Amino acid sequence: MKWELNLLMFDDPATYTVTVLNDGNFSATTASPASGAKNTTVTLTITPSTGKELAEIEVAAGGVTIDPEDLTFKIGEANVVLYVKGKANNKYMVTEECSVCINEARTVFHKNAIVELTPNGVPKAVTVENGGASITVNDAVQYLIDQGVLIKI
């Protein structure tokens, strides 16, 4: 009696998990799908809390490269751990027109315009006309906030 053994190779891909952690500046951070085989495309959904925005996504494990345009990546041959970091967005909406000077050029903040402030919270070299008097830099921004002209979004 002669025995023949035919070996067949089956592709049984391992499944790797995707874990998304965040620093508390987000109302939601999810990965879809949350697991998959090598080369599975994963899409991140990142929803910042009010007044926050995405600062960076740190790849803590898994060695993936995230496409910054559509927040996607492909799973490699390891579990993926991401740490999403946020920051204050420093964006304000203008509630009414007001005259200001920025870098010595007179301009108008128009109603519903979005004003983005520097990391320390002020546009550079701002002067607000206030009934004939001028208020500059930090005082100007604080004055506009106090008057409800700039509201944080």
N, C-alpha and C. Protein backbone atom coordinates (compact mmCIF):
# COMPACT_ATOMS: atom_id res chain seq x y z
N MET A 1 0.83 -1.17 0.00
CA MET A 1 0.00 0.00 0.00
C MET A 1 0.88 1.24 0.00
N LYS A 2 0.56 2.15 -0.88
CA LYS A 2 1.31 3.39 -1.02
C LYS A 2 0.44 4.55 -0.57
N TRP A 3 0.99 5.35 0.29
CA TRP A 3 0.28 6.55 0.77
C TRP A 3 0.82 7.77 0.07
N GLU A 4 -0.08 8.64 -0.34
CA GLU A 4 0.33 9.92 -0.90
C GLU A 4 -0.21 11.02 -0.02
N LEU A 5 0.63 12.00 0.18
CA LEU A 5 0.23 13.13 1.01
C LEU A 5 0.37 14.39 0.17
N ASN A 6 -0.72 15.04 -0.01
CA ASN A 6 -0.72 16.32 -0.72
C ASN A 6 -0.89 17.43 0.32
N LEU A 7 0.05 18.33 0.34
CA LEU A 7 -0.02 19.46 1.28
C LEU A 7 -0.59 20.67 0.55
N LEU A 8 -1.57 21.23 1.14
CA LEU A 8 -2.14 22.46 0.61
C LEU A 8 -1.85 23.59 1.59
N MET A 9 -1.50 24.73 1.06
CA MET A 9 -1.21 25.87 1.92
C MET A 9 -2.44 26.77 1.94
N PHE A 10 -2.92 27.03 3.11
CA PHE A 10 -4.05 27.93 3.27
C PHE A 10 -3.55 29.25 3.85
N ASP A 11 -4.06 30.31 3.31
CA ASP A 11 -3.71 31.63 3.84
C ASP A 11 -4.66 31.92 4.99
N ASP A 12 -4.16 31.84 6.19
CA ASP A 12 -4.95 32.09 7.38
C ASP A 12 -4.37 33.32 8.06
N PRO A 13 -4.79 34.52 7.60
CA PRO A 13 -4.16 35.74 8.11
C PRO A 13 -4.47 35.98 9.58
N ALA A 14 -3.48 36.49 10.26
CA ALA A 14 -3.67 36.89 11.65
C ALA A 14 -4.53 38.15 11.69
N THR A 15 -5.24 38.34 12.77
CA THR A 15 -6.04 39.54 12.95
C THR A 15 -5.35 40.41 13.99
N TYR A 16 -5.20 41.68 13.64
CA TYR A 16 -4.54 42.64 14.53
C TYR A 16 -5.56 43.69 14.98
N THR A 17 -5.41 44.14 16.21
CA THR A 17 -6.35 45.12 16.77
C THR A 17 -5.83 46.54 16.59
N VAL A 18 -6.77 47.48 16.59
CA VAL A 18 -6.43 48.91 16.53
C VAL A 18 -7.04 49.56 17.77
N THR A 19 -6.19 50.15 18.59
CA THR A 19 -6.63 50.84 19.81
C THR A 19 -6.32 52.32 19.64
N VAL A 20 -7.34 53.16 19.88
CA VAL A 20 -7.16 54.61 19.77
C VAL A 20 -7.41 55.22 21.15
N LEU A 21 -6.37 55.81 21.71
CA LEU A 21 -6.45 56.50 22.99
C LEU A 21 -6.40 57.99 22.73
N ASN A 22 -6.91 58.82 23.66
CA ASN A 22 -6.79 60.26 23.48
C ASN A 22 -6.55 60.95 24.81
N ASP A 23 -6.13 62.19 24.73
CA ASP A 23 -5.75 62.95 25.92
C ASP A 23 -6.90 63.68 26.59
N GLY A 24 -8.13 63.38 26.21
CA GLY A 24 -9.29 64.00 26.85
C GLY A 24 -9.80 65.25 26.14
N ASN A 25 -9.16 65.65 25.04
CA ASN A 25 -9.59 66.83 24.29
C ASN A 25 -10.58 66.48 23.18
N PHE A 26 -11.12 65.27 23.20
CA PHE A 26 -11.98 64.81 22.11
C PHE A 26 -13.25 64.18 22.67
N SER A 27 -14.35 64.42 21.97
CA SER A 27 -15.60 63.77 22.37
C SER A 27 -15.68 62.37 21.79
N ALA A 28 -14.92 62.10 20.72
CA ALA A 28 -14.88 60.76 20.13
C ALA A 28 -13.59 60.55 19.36
N THR A 29 -13.01 59.38 19.51
CA THR A 29 -11.87 58.93 18.70
C THR A 29 -12.08 57.45 18.44
N THR A 30 -12.35 57.10 17.19
CA THR A 30 -12.62 55.70 16.86
C THR A 30 -11.86 55.28 15.61
N ALA A 31 -11.70 53.97 15.48
CA ALA A 31 -11.10 53.37 14.29
C ALA A 31 -12.10 52.40 13.70
N SER A 32 -12.24 52.43 12.37
CA SER A 32 -13.18 51.53 11.71
C SER A 32 -12.52 50.92 10.48
N PRO A 33 -12.36 49.62 10.47
CA PRO A 33 -12.69 48.65 11.50
C PRO A 33 -11.68 48.71 12.64
N ALA A 34 -12.04 48.13 13.78
CA ALA A 34 -11.19 48.16 14.97
C ALA A 34 -10.20 46.99 14.99
N SER A 35 -10.26 46.14 13.97
CA SER A 35 -9.30 45.04 13.83
C SER A 35 -9.33 44.57 12.39
N GLY A 36 -8.28 43.84 12.01
CA GLY A 36 -8.24 43.31 10.66
C GLY A 36 -6.91 42.65 10.36
N ALA A 37 -6.86 42.03 9.20
CA ALA A 37 -5.64 41.37 8.75
C ALA A 37 -4.68 42.41 8.16
N LYS A 38 -3.49 41.96 7.85
CA LYS A 38 -2.50 42.83 7.22
C LYS A 38 -3.10 43.45 5.96
N ASN A 39 -2.82 44.73 5.75
CA ASN A 39 -3.27 45.53 4.61
C ASN A 39 -4.74 45.95 4.67
N THR A 40 -5.42 45.69 5.80
CA THR A 40 -6.78 46.20 5.97
C THR A 40 -6.69 47.72 6.12
N THR A 41 -7.51 48.45 5.37
CA THR A 41 -7.53 49.91 5.48
C THR A 41 -8.43 50.30 6.65
N VAL A 42 -7.88 51.14 7.52
CA VAL A 42 -8.60 51.62 8.71
C VAL A 42 -8.81 53.12 8.57
N THR A 43 -10.01 53.58 8.91
CA THR A 43 -10.34 55.01 8.88
C THR A 43 -10.55 55.48 10.31
N LEU A 44 -9.87 56.58 10.66
CA LEU A 44 -10.04 57.17 11.98
C LEU A 44 -11.12 58.24 11.94
N THR A 45 -11.94 58.28 12.98
CA THR A 45 -12.90 59.36 13.17
C THR A 45 -12.49 60.07 14.45
N ILE A 46 -12.17 61.35 14.31
CA ILE A 46 -11.69 62.13 15.45
C ILE A 46 -12.57 63.36 15.58
N THR A 47 -13.27 63.47 16.71
CA THR A 47 -14.18 64.58 16.95
C THR A 47 -13.68 65.37 18.16
N PRO A 48 -13.08 66.55 17.91
CA PRO A 48 -12.59 67.35 19.04
C PRO A 48 -13.74 67.90 19.89
N SER A 49 -13.47 68.06 21.17
CA SER A 49 -14.42 68.73 22.05
C SER A 49 -14.48 70.21 21.66
N THR A 50 -15.49 70.91 22.14
CA THR A 50 -15.64 72.34 21.84
C THR A 50 -14.39 73.10 22.23
N GLY A 51 -13.91 73.93 21.32
CA GLY A 51 -12.73 74.75 21.57
C GLY A 51 -11.41 74.04 21.42
N LYS A 52 -11.44 72.79 20.94
CA LYS A 52 -10.21 72.00 20.78
C LYS A 52 -10.03 71.61 19.33
N GLU A 53 -8.80 71.23 18.98
CA GLU A 53 -8.52 70.71 17.65
C GLU A 53 -7.40 69.69 17.73
N LEU A 54 -7.23 68.93 16.67
CA LEU A 54 -6.21 67.89 16.61
C LEU A 54 -4.83 68.52 16.54
N ALA A 55 -3.95 68.10 17.44
CA ALA A 55 -2.57 68.56 17.41
C ALA A 55 -1.69 67.53 16.71
N GLU A 56 -1.83 66.25 17.10
CA GLU A 56 -1.05 65.19 16.46
C GLU A 56 -1.62 63.83 16.80
N ILE A 57 -1.25 62.86 15.99
CA ILE A 57 -1.58 61.46 16.25
C ILE A 57 -0.26 60.72 16.40
N GLU A 58 0.01 60.27 17.60
CA GLU A 58 1.24 59.54 17.87
C GLU A 58 1.00 58.05 17.66
N VAL A 59 1.87 57.42 16.88
CA VAL A 59 1.79 55.97 16.68
C VAL A 59 2.64 55.33 17.78
N ALA A 60 1.97 54.80 18.81
CA ALA A 60 2.66 54.21 19.95
C ALA A 60 3.09 52.78 19.67
N ALA A 61 2.37 52.08 18.77
CA ALA A 61 2.72 50.71 18.41
C ALA A 61 2.13 50.39 17.04
N GLY A 62 2.77 49.49 16.34
CA GLY A 62 2.23 49.02 15.07
C GLY A 62 2.93 49.58 13.84
N GLY A 63 3.69 50.67 14.00
CA GLY A 63 4.50 51.20 12.91
C GLY A 63 3.74 51.65 11.68
N VAL A 64 2.50 52.10 11.82
CA VAL A 64 1.72 52.52 10.66
C VAL A 64 2.00 53.98 10.31
N THR A 65 1.67 54.33 9.08
CA THR A 65 1.77 55.72 8.62
C THR A 65 0.36 56.19 8.28
N ILE A 66 -0.06 57.25 8.95
CA ILE A 66 -1.43 57.75 8.79
C ILE A 66 -1.46 58.82 7.72
N ASP A 67 -2.37 58.69 6.77
CA ASP A 67 -2.56 59.70 5.73
C ASP A 67 -3.27 60.89 6.37
N PRO A 68 -2.61 62.07 6.42
CA PRO A 68 -3.21 63.22 7.10
C PRO A 68 -4.44 63.79 6.38
N GLU A 69 -4.59 63.49 5.10
CA GLU A 69 -5.74 64.02 4.34
C GLU A 69 -7.05 63.34 4.71
N ASP A 70 -7.04 62.02 4.78
CA ASP A 70 -8.29 61.31 5.04
C ASP A 70 -8.25 60.44 6.30
N LEU A 71 -7.16 60.57 7.08
CA LEU A 71 -6.99 59.86 8.34
C LEU A 71 -7.17 58.35 8.18
N THR A 72 -6.49 57.79 7.19
CA THR A 72 -6.52 56.34 6.97
C THR A 72 -5.11 55.77 7.06
N PHE A 73 -5.06 54.47 7.30
CA PHE A 73 -3.78 53.75 7.27
C PHE A 73 -4.08 52.29 7.01
N LYS A 74 -3.04 51.55 6.67
CA LYS A 74 -3.18 50.10 6.46
C LYS A 74 -2.51 49.38 7.63
N ILE A 75 -3.21 48.37 8.14
CA ILE A 75 -2.66 47.56 9.23
C ILE A 75 -1.45 46.78 8.71
N GLY A 76 -0.42 46.72 9.53
CA GLY A 76 0.77 45.94 9.18
C GLY A 76 0.68 44.55 9.79
N GLU A 77 1.76 44.10 10.38
CA GLU A 77 1.79 42.77 10.99
C GLU A 77 1.94 42.88 12.50
N ALA A 78 1.19 43.82 13.08
CA ALA A 78 1.23 44.00 14.54
C ALA A 78 -0.02 44.75 14.98
N ASN A 79 -0.34 44.62 16.25
CA ASN A 79 -1.43 45.41 16.82
C ASN A 79 -1.03 46.89 16.76
N VAL A 80 -2.01 47.75 16.53
CA VAL A 80 -1.77 49.18 16.39
C VAL A 80 -2.33 49.90 17.62
N VAL A 81 -1.51 50.80 18.18
CA VAL A 81 -1.96 51.65 19.27
C VAL A 81 -1.65 53.09 18.88
N LEU A 82 -2.69 53.93 18.88
CA LEU A 82 -2.54 55.34 18.52
C LEU A 82 -2.92 56.20 19.71
N TYR A 83 -2.22 57.33 19.85
CA TYR A 83 -2.53 58.29 20.93
C TYR A 83 -2.81 59.63 20.27
N VAL A 84 -4.07 60.07 20.36
CA VAL A 84 -4.50 61.30 19.71
C VAL A 84 -4.37 62.45 20.70
N LYS A 85 -3.65 63.50 20.28
CA LYS A 85 -3.41 64.65 21.16
C LYS A 85 -4.10 65.89 20.60
N GLY A 86 -4.70 66.66 21.49
CA GLY A 86 -5.40 67.86 21.09
C GLY A 86 -4.78 69.11 21.68
N LYS A 87 -5.31 70.24 21.25
CA LYS A 87 -4.88 71.54 21.78
C LYS A 87 -6.04 72.51 21.65
N ALA A 88 -5.94 73.62 22.35
CA ALA A 88 -6.96 74.66 22.21
C ALA A 88 -6.88 75.20 20.79
N ASN A 89 -8.04 75.42 20.18
CA ASN A 89 -8.00 75.83 18.77
C ASN A 89 -7.77 77.32 18.58
N ASN A 90 -7.94 78.14 19.61
CA ASN A 90 -7.70 79.58 19.51
C ASN A 90 -8.48 80.22 18.37
N LYS A 91 -9.66 79.68 18.10
CA LYS A 91 -10.51 80.27 17.07
C LYS A 91 -11.70 80.95 17.71
N TYR A 92 -11.99 82.13 17.20
CA TYR A 92 -13.11 82.93 17.70
C TYR A 92 -13.99 83.33 16.53
N MET A 93 -15.27 83.50 16.81
CA MET A 93 -16.17 84.03 15.80
C MET A 93 -16.49 85.47 16.18
N VAL A 94 -16.57 86.32 15.16
CA VAL A 94 -16.89 87.73 15.35
C VAL A 94 -18.41 87.86 15.32
N THR A 95 -18.99 88.46 16.38
CA THR A 95 -20.45 88.58 16.47
C THR A 95 -20.98 89.88 15.88
N GLU A 96 -20.11 90.88 15.72
CA GLU A 96 -20.51 92.14 15.10
C GLU A 96 -19.28 92.80 14.50
N GLU A 97 -19.49 93.62 13.50
CA GLU A 97 -18.35 94.27 12.85
C GLU A 97 -17.64 95.18 13.83
N CYS A 98 -16.32 95.15 13.77
CA CYS A 98 -15.53 96.08 14.59
C CYS A 98 -14.26 96.43 13.84
N SER A 99 -13.80 97.65 14.04
CA SER A 99 -12.60 98.15 13.38
C SER A 99 -11.37 97.80 14.21
N VAL A 100 -10.37 97.24 13.57
CA VAL A 100 -9.13 96.88 14.26
C VAL A 100 -7.94 97.22 13.38
N CYS A 101 -6.78 97.28 13.99
CA CYS A 101 -5.52 97.42 13.26
C CYS A 101 -4.68 96.19 13.56
N ILE A 102 -4.22 95.54 12.52
CA ILE A 102 -3.33 94.40 12.68
C ILE A 102 -2.05 94.73 11.93
N ASN A 103 -0.93 94.69 12.66
CA ASN A 103 0.37 95.06 12.09
C ASN A 103 0.30 96.42 11.40
N GLU A 104 -0.34 97.35 12.08
CA GLU A 104 -0.46 98.75 11.64
C GLU A 104 -1.33 98.94 10.40
N ALA A 105 -2.06 97.93 9.97
CA ALA A 105 -2.98 98.07 8.84
C ALA A 105 -4.40 98.00 9.38
N ARG A 106 -5.21 99.01 9.05
CA ARG A 106 -6.59 99.07 9.52
C ARG A 106 -7.44 98.06 8.74
N THR A 107 -8.24 97.30 9.46
CA THR A 107 -9.13 96.34 8.84
C THR A 107 -10.40 96.25 9.67
N VAL A 108 -11.37 95.51 9.18
CA VAL A 108 -12.62 95.32 9.88
C VAL A 108 -12.81 93.83 10.09
N PHE A 109 -13.13 93.45 11.33
CA PHE A 109 -13.56 92.09 11.58
C PHE A 109 -15.04 92.07 11.25
N HIS A 110 -15.41 91.31 10.23
CA HIS A 110 -16.80 91.24 9.81
C HIS A 110 -17.58 90.22 10.63
N LYS A 111 -18.86 90.49 10.80
CA LYS A 111 -19.72 89.59 11.54
C LYS A 111 -19.64 88.17 10.96
N ASN A 112 -19.57 87.18 11.84
CA ASN A 112 -19.49 85.75 11.52
C ASN A 112 -18.14 85.32 10.97
N ALA A 113 -17.18 86.24 10.87
CA ALA A 113 -15.83 85.85 10.45
C ALA A 113 -15.18 85.03 11.55
N ILE A 114 -14.26 84.17 11.15
CA ILE A 114 -13.50 83.38 12.12
C ILE A 114 -12.13 84.03 12.27
N VAL A 115 -11.75 84.29 13.49
CA VAL A 115 -10.45 84.89 13.79
C VAL A 115 -9.63 83.85 14.53
N GLU A 116 -8.46 83.54 14.01
CA GLU A 116 -7.59 82.58 14.68
C GLU A 116 -6.47 83.34 15.38
N LEU A 117 -6.31 83.07 16.66
CA LEU A 117 -5.33 83.78 17.46
C LEU A 117 -4.03 82.99 17.54
N THR A 118 -2.96 83.66 17.93
CA THR A 118 -1.67 83.02 18.09
C THR A 118 -1.73 82.05 19.26
N PRO A 119 -0.72 81.17 19.43
CA PRO A 119 -0.76 80.19 20.51
C PRO A 119 -0.96 80.80 21.90
N ASN A 120 -0.47 82.04 22.11
CA ASN A 120 -0.69 82.65 23.42
C ASN A 120 -2.02 83.40 23.49
N GLY A 121 -2.85 83.29 22.44
CA GLY A 121 -4.21 83.77 22.51
C GLY A 121 -4.49 85.15 21.97
N VAL A 122 -3.55 85.74 21.23
CA VAL A 122 -3.81 87.08 20.68
C VAL A 122 -3.34 87.18 19.24
N PRO A 123 -4.09 87.92 18.41
CA PRO A 123 -3.53 88.23 17.10
C PRO A 123 -2.34 89.15 17.30
N LYS A 124 -1.40 89.14 16.40
CA LYS A 124 -0.22 89.98 16.55
C LYS A 124 -0.56 91.44 16.30
N ALA A 125 -0.08 92.32 17.16
CA ALA A 125 -0.18 93.77 17.01
C ALA A 125 -1.60 94.24 16.69
N VAL A 126 -2.51 93.93 17.56
CA VAL A 126 -3.90 94.35 17.36
C VAL A 126 -4.19 95.62 18.15
N THR A 127 -4.88 96.53 17.51
CA THR A 127 -5.38 97.72 18.18
C THR A 127 -6.86 97.81 17.89
N VAL A 128 -7.66 98.00 18.91
CA VAL A 128 -9.10 98.14 18.74
C VAL A 128 -9.46 99.59 19.01
N GLU A 129 -10.22 100.18 18.07
CA GLU A 129 -10.71 101.54 18.28
C GLU A 129 -11.89 101.47 19.23
N ASN A 130 -11.79 102.19 20.34
CA ASN A 130 -12.82 102.13 21.38
C ASN A 130 -13.23 103.56 21.72
N GLY A 131 -14.17 104.10 20.97
CA GLY A 131 -14.66 105.45 21.25
C GLY A 131 -13.56 106.49 21.19
N GLY A 132 -12.68 106.40 20.21
CA GLY A 132 -11.60 107.37 20.06
C GLY A 132 -10.31 106.94 20.71
N ALA A 133 -10.37 106.02 21.68
CA ALA A 133 -9.15 105.54 22.33
C ALA A 133 -8.71 104.24 21.68
N SER A 134 -7.45 103.93 21.80
CA SER A 134 -6.94 102.68 21.26
C SER A 134 -6.54 101.76 22.39
N ILE A 135 -6.86 100.49 22.24
CA ILE A 135 -6.46 99.47 23.20
C ILE A 135 -5.61 98.48 22.40
N THR A 136 -4.45 98.11 22.90
CA THR A 136 -3.57 97.27 22.09
C THR A 136 -3.40 95.86 22.66
N VAL A 137 -3.03 94.97 21.80
CA VAL A 137 -2.65 93.57 22.02
C VAL A 137 -3.56 92.85 23.02
N ASN A 138 -3.03 92.33 24.16
CA ASN A 138 -3.83 91.51 25.06
C ASN A 138 -5.09 92.22 25.53
N ASP A 139 -4.96 93.50 25.86
CA ASP A 139 -6.12 94.25 26.33
C ASP A 139 -7.19 94.33 25.25
N ALA A 140 -6.78 94.47 23.99
CA ALA A 140 -7.75 94.57 22.89
C ALA A 140 -8.54 93.29 22.75
N VAL A 141 -7.85 92.16 22.76
CA VAL A 141 -8.54 90.88 22.62
C VAL A 141 -9.46 90.66 23.81
N GLN A 142 -8.97 90.93 25.02
CA GLN A 142 -9.80 90.74 26.20
C GLN A 142 -11.01 91.68 26.15
N TYR A 143 -10.81 92.91 25.68
CA TYR A 143 -11.92 93.86 25.54
C TYR A 143 -12.99 93.31 24.59
N LEU A 144 -12.55 92.78 23.43
CA LEU A 144 -13.49 92.23 22.45
C LEU A 144 -14.23 91.02 23.01
N ILE A 145 -13.52 90.20 23.78
CA ILE A 145 -14.17 89.05 24.41
C ILE A 145 -15.17 89.52 25.45
N ASP A 146 -14.76 90.48 26.29
CA ASP A 146 -15.66 91.01 27.33
C ASP A 146 -16.91 91.64 26.73
N GLN A 147 -16.77 92.26 25.57
CA GLN A 147 -17.91 92.91 24.92
C GLN A 147 -18.75 91.92 24.11
N GLY A 148 -18.29 90.68 24.02
CA GLY A 148 -19.03 89.67 23.27
C GLY A 148 -18.84 89.77 21.77
N VAL A 149 -17.83 90.56 21.34
CA VAL A 149 -17.54 90.70 19.92
C VAL A 149 -16.82 89.46 19.40
N LEU A 150 -15.95 88.90 20.23
CA LEU A 150 -15.28 87.63 19.89
C LEU A 150 -15.80 86.57 20.83
N ILE A 151 -16.31 85.48 20.27
CA ILE A 151 -16.72 84.35 21.10
C ILE A 151 -15.95 83.11 20.67
N LYS A 152 -15.46 82.38 21.64
CA LYS A 152 -14.65 81.18 21.36
C LYS A 152 -15.53 80.10 20.73
N ILE A 153 -15.03 79.48 19.67
CA ILE A 153 -15.78 78.39 19.05
C ILE A 153 -14.97 77.11 19.12
